[in-house]
Amino acid sequence: QVQLVESGGGLVQPGGSLRLSCAASGSIFRIATMGWFRQAPGKQRDLVARISMVSGGSTYYADSVKGRFTISRDNAKNTVFLQMNSLTPEDTAAYYCNMYLAPEKNSDFRNYWGQGTQVTVSS
């Protein structure tokens, strides 16, 4: 069974930085993409950043975080990171790790989610 475990959330002042980590464990045959979503109270869950495990590791960033957030990965450890700089109160949300992967050689790819980690930006 695949599990995604996140860490690194917390309270930070505006202008500060945080680094989120998400490690996948269990039966994993192949990972296609790793990403981060966020959801503020009363709002939908939105994609923040995503990195491909193929295609040269291409990345996607939501317009609201371009130039401030950086997604990276450690292939050997099935881990994805999100470095968040110049944080603003608008970045306050629960952040969810997402991986699109196949747990076994003959299984379909599907989405897996972490439990979420809270990021609060406030003075």
N, C-alpha and C. Protein backbone atom coordinates (compact mmCIF):
# COMPACT_ATOMS: atom_id res chain seq x y z
N GLN A 1 0.84 -1.18 0.00
CA GLN A 1 0.00 0.00 0.00
C GLN A 1 0.88 1.24 0.00
N VAL A 2 0.52 2.19 -0.84
CA VAL A 2 1.31 3.40 -0.97
C VAL A 2 0.89 4.43 0.08
N GLN A 3 1.87 5.06 0.68
CA GLN A 3 1.61 6.14 1.62
C GLN A 3 2.48 7.33 1.26
N LEU A 4 1.88 8.51 1.35
CA LEU A 4 2.61 9.76 1.16
C LEU A 4 2.61 10.49 2.49
N VAL A 5 3.78 10.83 2.98
CA VAL A 5 3.90 11.49 4.27
C VAL A 5 4.58 12.83 4.07
N GLU A 6 3.85 13.88 4.49
CA GLU A 6 4.33 15.24 4.32
C GLU A 6 4.93 15.78 5.61
N SER A 7 5.79 16.76 5.47
CA SER A 7 6.34 17.46 6.62
C SER A 7 6.78 18.85 6.19
N GLY A 8 6.97 19.72 7.19
CA GLY A 8 7.54 21.02 6.90
C GLY A 8 6.60 22.20 7.00
N GLY A 9 5.33 21.97 7.24
CA GLY A 9 4.41 23.10 7.38
C GLY A 9 4.62 23.81 8.69
N GLY A 10 3.89 24.92 8.86
CA GLY A 10 3.99 25.66 10.10
C GLY A 10 3.57 27.10 9.95
N LEU A 11 3.91 27.87 10.96
CA LEU A 11 3.59 29.30 10.99
C LEU A 11 4.82 30.10 10.61
N VAL A 12 4.65 31.04 9.70
CA VAL A 12 5.77 31.86 9.26
C VAL A 12 5.28 33.28 9.04
N GLN A 13 6.14 34.24 9.23
CA GLN A 13 5.80 35.64 9.01
C GLN A 13 5.81 35.96 7.52
N PRO A 14 5.06 36.96 7.13
CA PRO A 14 5.11 37.40 5.71
C PRO A 14 6.54 37.71 5.30
N GLY A 15 6.87 37.25 4.09
CA GLY A 15 8.23 37.41 3.60
C GLY A 15 9.15 36.26 3.94
N GLY A 16 8.68 35.37 4.79
CA GLY A 16 9.50 34.25 5.21
C GLY A 16 9.47 33.09 4.24
N SER A 17 10.13 32.01 4.64
CA SER A 17 10.27 30.83 3.79
C SER A 17 9.93 29.57 4.57
N LEU A 18 9.47 28.58 3.82
CA LEU A 18 9.25 27.24 4.36
C LEU A 18 9.61 26.23 3.28
N ARG A 19 9.98 25.04 3.72
CA ARG A 19 10.26 23.97 2.77
C ARG A 19 9.42 22.76 3.14
N LEU A 20 8.58 22.34 2.23
CA LEU A 20 7.75 21.16 2.43
C LEU A 20 8.42 19.94 1.81
N SER A 21 8.23 18.80 2.46
CA SER A 21 8.74 17.54 1.94
C SER A 21 7.61 16.52 1.92
N CYS A 22 7.69 15.60 0.98
CA CYS A 22 6.71 14.52 0.89
C CYS A 22 7.42 13.28 0.41
N ALA A 23 7.40 12.24 1.22
CA ALA A 23 8.05 10.99 0.88
C ALA A 23 7.02 9.90 0.65
N ALA A 24 7.18 9.18 -0.43
CA ALA A 24 6.29 8.06 -0.74
C ALA A 24 6.93 6.76 -0.29
N SER A 25 6.11 5.89 0.28
CA SER A 25 6.60 4.59 0.70
C SER A 25 5.60 3.52 0.31
N GLY A 26 6.05 2.27 0.39
CA GLY A 26 5.19 1.16 0.02
C GLY A 26 5.55 0.63 -1.35
N SER A 27 4.61 -0.07 -1.94
CA SER A 27 4.83 -0.67 -3.24
C SER A 27 4.71 0.38 -4.34
N ILE A 28 5.81 0.70 -4.97
CA ILE A 28 5.83 1.72 -6.03
C ILE A 28 6.60 1.18 -7.22
N PHE A 29 5.91 1.05 -8.34
CA PHE A 29 6.59 0.59 -9.54
C PHE A 29 7.15 1.77 -10.34
N ARG A 30 6.29 2.76 -10.60
CA ARG A 30 6.73 3.91 -11.38
C ARG A 30 5.91 5.14 -11.03
N ILE A 31 6.60 6.24 -10.89
CA ILE A 31 5.95 7.52 -10.63
C ILE A 31 6.00 8.37 -11.89
N ALA A 32 4.85 8.90 -12.29
CA ALA A 32 4.80 9.74 -13.49
C ALA A 32 5.00 11.22 -13.14
N THR A 33 4.28 11.69 -12.14
CA THR A 33 4.40 13.08 -11.72
C THR A 33 4.32 13.17 -10.20
N MET A 34 4.95 14.22 -9.68
CA MET A 34 4.86 14.58 -8.26
C MET A 34 4.41 16.03 -8.22
N GLY A 35 3.55 16.35 -7.26
CA GLY A 35 3.08 17.73 -7.22
C GLY A 35 2.56 18.13 -5.86
N TRP A 36 2.23 19.42 -5.79
CA TRP A 36 1.65 20.00 -4.58
C TRP A 36 0.40 20.77 -4.94
N PHE A 37 -0.64 20.54 -4.15
CA PHE A 37 -1.89 21.29 -4.25
C PHE A 37 -2.08 22.03 -2.93
N ARG A 38 -2.95 23.01 -2.95
CA ARG A 38 -3.30 23.68 -1.69
C ARG A 38 -4.78 24.02 -1.68
N GLN A 39 -5.29 24.08 -0.46
CA GLN A 39 -6.71 24.37 -0.28
C GLN A 39 -6.89 25.27 0.93
N ALA A 40 -7.42 26.45 0.67
CA ALA A 40 -7.75 27.38 1.74
C ALA A 40 -9.20 27.12 2.18
N PRO A 41 -9.55 27.51 3.39
CA PRO A 41 -10.92 27.28 3.88
C PRO A 41 -11.96 27.87 2.93
N GLY A 42 -12.95 27.08 2.57
CA GLY A 42 -14.02 27.54 1.71
C GLY A 42 -13.68 27.62 0.24
N LYS A 43 -12.48 27.16 -0.13
CA LYS A 43 -12.05 27.23 -1.52
C LYS A 43 -11.73 25.84 -2.05
N GLN A 44 -11.62 25.73 -3.36
CA GLN A 44 -11.30 24.46 -3.96
C GLN A 44 -9.81 24.18 -3.83
N ARG A 45 -9.47 22.91 -4.03
CA ARG A 45 -8.07 22.51 -4.00
C ARG A 45 -7.45 22.81 -5.37
N ASP A 46 -6.38 23.59 -5.36
CA ASP A 46 -5.75 24.03 -6.59
C ASP A 46 -4.33 23.50 -6.71
N LEU A 47 -3.91 23.24 -7.93
CA LEU A 47 -2.54 22.82 -8.20
C LEU A 47 -1.60 24.00 -8.01
N VAL A 48 -0.55 23.79 -7.26
CA VAL A 48 0.45 24.81 -7.01
C VAL A 48 1.68 24.59 -7.91
N ALA A 49 2.19 23.37 -7.90
CA ALA A 49 3.38 23.05 -8.68
C ALA A 49 3.41 21.55 -8.94
N ARG A 50 4.03 21.19 -10.08
CA ARG A 50 4.12 19.78 -10.42
C ARG A 50 5.40 19.55 -11.20
N ILE A 51 6.00 18.39 -11.00
CA ILE A 51 7.22 18.04 -11.70
C ILE A 51 7.04 16.65 -12.31
N SER A 52 7.49 16.53 -13.54
CA SER A 52 7.38 15.26 -14.23
C SER A 52 8.59 14.39 -13.94
N MET A 53 8.35 13.08 -13.87
CA MET A 53 9.45 12.16 -13.67
C MET A 53 10.04 11.71 -15.00
N VAL A 54 9.42 12.12 -16.07
CA VAL A 54 9.92 11.88 -17.41
C VAL A 54 10.02 13.24 -18.10
N SER A 55 10.21 13.23 -19.39
CA SER A 55 10.27 14.47 -20.18
C SER A 55 11.28 15.46 -19.61
N GLY A 56 12.39 14.94 -19.11
CA GLY A 56 13.42 15.82 -18.60
C GLY A 56 13.07 16.55 -17.31
N GLY A 57 12.07 16.07 -16.64
CA GLY A 57 11.71 16.70 -15.38
C GLY A 57 11.06 18.04 -15.54
N SER A 58 10.20 18.19 -16.53
CA SER A 58 9.54 19.48 -16.75
C SER A 58 8.68 19.85 -15.55
N THR A 59 8.55 21.15 -15.34
CA THR A 59 7.81 21.65 -14.19
C THR A 59 6.67 22.56 -14.61
N TYR A 60 5.69 22.66 -13.73
CA TYR A 60 4.57 23.58 -13.89
C TYR A 60 4.39 24.32 -12.59
N TYR A 61 4.10 25.62 -12.69
CA TYR A 61 3.81 26.44 -11.52
C TYR A 61 2.54 27.25 -11.78
N ALA A 62 1.72 27.35 -10.76
CA ALA A 62 0.60 28.28 -10.84
C ALA A 62 1.14 29.69 -10.93
N ASP A 63 0.42 30.55 -11.63
CA ASP A 63 0.89 31.93 -11.81
C ASP A 63 1.14 32.63 -10.48
N SER A 64 0.35 32.31 -9.50
CA SER A 64 0.44 32.99 -8.21
C SER A 64 1.72 32.68 -7.44
N VAL A 65 2.43 31.62 -7.83
CA VAL A 65 3.63 31.24 -7.09
C VAL A 65 4.90 31.30 -7.93
N LYS A 66 4.77 31.60 -9.22
CA LYS A 66 5.94 31.66 -10.09
C LYS A 66 6.96 32.66 -9.57
N GLY A 67 8.21 32.22 -9.55
CA GLY A 67 9.28 33.08 -9.07
C GLY A 67 9.48 33.06 -7.57
N ARG A 68 8.55 32.44 -6.85
CA ARG A 68 8.67 32.37 -5.38
C ARG A 68 8.80 30.93 -4.90
N PHE A 69 8.14 30.00 -5.55
CA PHE A 69 8.17 28.60 -5.14
C PHE A 69 9.02 27.80 -6.12
N THR A 70 9.68 26.77 -5.60
CA THR A 70 10.46 25.87 -6.44
C THR A 70 10.18 24.43 -6.05
N ILE A 71 9.80 23.63 -7.03
CA ILE A 71 9.57 22.21 -6.77
C ILE A 71 10.79 21.43 -7.23
N SER A 72 11.14 20.41 -6.44
CA SER A 72 12.27 19.56 -6.80
C SER A 72 11.99 18.16 -6.30
N ARG A 73 12.85 17.23 -6.68
CA ARG A 73 12.59 15.84 -6.31
C ARG A 73 13.90 15.12 -6.01
N ASP A 74 13.78 14.03 -5.28
CA ASP A 74 14.87 13.10 -5.04
C ASP A 74 14.35 11.75 -5.52
N ASN A 75 14.76 11.37 -6.72
CA ASN A 75 14.23 10.15 -7.33
C ASN A 75 14.52 8.91 -6.48
N ALA A 76 15.72 8.86 -5.96
CA ALA A 76 16.14 7.66 -5.21
C ALA A 76 15.30 7.45 -3.96
N LYS A 77 14.78 8.55 -3.42
CA LYS A 77 14.02 8.46 -2.17
C LYS A 77 12.52 8.66 -2.39
N ASN A 78 12.10 8.74 -3.66
CA ASN A 78 10.67 8.96 -3.97
C ASN A 78 10.12 10.14 -3.16
N THR A 79 10.87 11.21 -3.17
CA THR A 79 10.53 12.37 -2.36
C THR A 79 10.43 13.62 -3.22
N VAL A 80 9.45 14.44 -2.89
CA VAL A 80 9.29 15.71 -3.59
C VAL A 80 9.33 16.83 -2.56
N PHE A 81 9.89 17.97 -2.97
CA PHE A 81 10.05 19.12 -2.09
C PHE A 81 9.36 20.33 -2.70
N LEU A 82 8.97 21.24 -1.84
CA LEU A 82 8.45 22.53 -2.30
C LEU A 82 9.11 23.61 -1.45
N GLN A 83 10.02 24.34 -2.06
CA GLN A 83 10.65 25.48 -1.40
C GLN A 83 9.79 26.70 -1.64
N MET A 84 9.33 27.31 -0.57
CA MET A 84 8.44 28.45 -0.67
C MET A 84 9.10 29.68 -0.07
N ASN A 85 9.32 30.68 -0.88
CA ASN A 85 9.96 31.92 -0.45
C ASN A 85 9.01 33.09 -0.61
N SER A 86 9.34 34.18 0.04
CA SER A 86 8.53 35.41 -0.06
C SER A 86 7.05 35.13 0.18
N LEU A 87 6.79 34.41 1.23
CA LEU A 87 5.41 33.99 1.53
C LEU A 87 4.55 35.19 1.92
N THR A 88 3.31 35.12 1.52
CA THR A 88 2.32 36.15 1.85
C THR A 88 1.12 35.49 2.53
N PRO A 89 0.30 36.27 3.20
CA PRO A 89 -0.89 35.68 3.84
C PRO A 89 -1.78 34.93 2.86
N GLU A 90 -1.73 35.31 1.59
CA GLU A 90 -2.55 34.63 0.58
C GLU A 90 -2.06 33.19 0.33
N ASP A 91 -0.89 32.86 0.79
CA ASP A 91 -0.38 31.50 0.65
C ASP A 91 -0.86 30.58 1.77
N THR A 92 -1.55 31.13 2.73
CA THR A 92 -2.07 30.33 3.84
C THR A 92 -3.08 29.31 3.33
N ALA A 93 -2.82 28.04 3.65
CA ALA A 93 -3.68 26.95 3.18
C ALA A 93 -3.15 25.63 3.71
N ALA A 94 -3.95 24.60 3.53
CA ALA A 94 -3.45 23.25 3.72
C ALA A 94 -2.82 22.80 2.42
N TYR A 95 -1.60 22.30 2.51
CA TYR A 95 -0.87 21.87 1.32
C TYR A 95 -0.86 20.35 1.26
N TYR A 96 -1.21 19.83 0.09
CA TYR A 96 -1.33 18.39 -0.11
C TYR A 96 -0.34 17.92 -1.17
N CYS A 97 0.39 16.89 -0.83
CA CYS A 97 1.27 16.24 -1.78
C CYS A 97 0.45 15.30 -2.66
N ASN A 98 0.82 15.24 -3.92
CA ASN A 98 0.13 14.37 -4.87
C ASN A 98 1.16 13.65 -5.74
N MET A 99 0.94 12.36 -5.95
CA MET A 99 1.77 11.61 -6.88
C MET A 99 0.87 10.76 -7.78
N TYR A 100 1.19 10.78 -9.05
CA TYR A 100 0.47 9.96 -10.03
C TYR A 100 1.39 8.80 -10.34
N LEU A 101 1.01 7.63 -9.85
CA LEU A 101 1.95 6.52 -9.94
C LEU A 101 1.24 5.18 -10.14
N ALA A 102 2.02 4.19 -10.54
CA ALA A 102 1.55 2.81 -10.65
C ALA A 102 2.22 2.01 -9.54
N PRO A 103 1.46 1.43 -8.65
CA PRO A 103 2.07 0.70 -7.54
C PRO A 103 2.75 -0.61 -7.95
N GLU A 104 2.27 -1.20 -9.04
CA GLU A 104 2.86 -2.45 -9.51
C GLU A 104 2.98 -2.41 -11.03
N LYS A 105 3.77 -3.34 -11.57
CA LYS A 105 4.08 -3.31 -12.99
C LYS A 105 2.83 -3.37 -13.86
N ASN A 106 1.87 -4.16 -13.51
CA ASN A 106 0.68 -4.34 -14.34
C ASN A 106 -0.53 -3.55 -13.84
N SER A 107 -0.33 -2.63 -12.95
CA SER A 107 -1.45 -1.86 -12.43
C SER A 107 -1.55 -0.53 -13.15
N ASP A 108 -2.72 0.07 -13.08
CA ASP A 108 -2.96 1.37 -13.68
C ASP A 108 -2.32 2.48 -12.85
N PHE A 109 -2.02 3.57 -13.50
CA PHE A 109 -1.59 4.76 -12.79
C PHE A 109 -2.82 5.39 -12.12
N ARG A 110 -2.62 5.92 -10.95
CA ARG A 110 -3.69 6.65 -10.27
C ARG A 110 -3.08 7.67 -9.35
N ASN A 111 -3.95 8.57 -8.85
CA ASN A 111 -3.50 9.63 -7.95
C ASN A 111 -3.46 9.14 -6.50
N TYR A 112 -2.40 9.51 -5.82
CA TYR A 112 -2.27 9.29 -4.39
C TYR A 112 -2.04 10.64 -3.71
N TRP A 113 -2.56 10.74 -2.48
CA TRP A 113 -2.52 12.01 -1.76
C TRP A 113 -1.92 11.85 -0.37
N GLY A 114 -1.22 12.89 0.04
CA GLY A 114 -0.78 12.96 1.42
C GLY A 114 -1.92 13.46 2.31
N GLN A 115 -1.65 13.49 3.60
CA GLN A 115 -2.68 13.86 4.56
C GLN A 115 -2.85 15.36 4.68
N GLY A 116 -1.91 16.12 4.14
CA GLY A 116 -1.99 17.57 4.20
C GLY A 116 -1.16 18.13 5.33
N THR A 117 -0.57 19.28 5.08
CA THR A 117 0.19 19.99 6.10
C THR A 117 -0.19 21.47 6.02
N GLN A 118 -0.42 22.05 7.19
CA GLN A 118 -0.91 23.42 7.24
C GLN A 118 0.24 24.41 7.14
N VAL A 119 0.05 25.40 6.28
CA VAL A 119 0.97 26.53 6.17
C VAL A 119 0.18 27.79 6.50
N THR A 120 0.64 28.51 7.50
CA THR A 120 -0.02 29.74 7.91
C THR A 120 0.99 30.87 7.85
N VAL A 121 0.65 31.90 7.09
CA VAL A 121 1.52 33.06 6.95
C VAL A 121 0.84 34.24 7.63
N SER A 122 1.43 34.66 8.73
CA SER A 122 0.80 35.70 9.53
C SER A 122 1.84 36.39 10.39
N SER A 123 1.62 37.67 10.64
CA SER A 123 2.51 38.41 11.53
C SER A 123 1.95 38.40 12.96
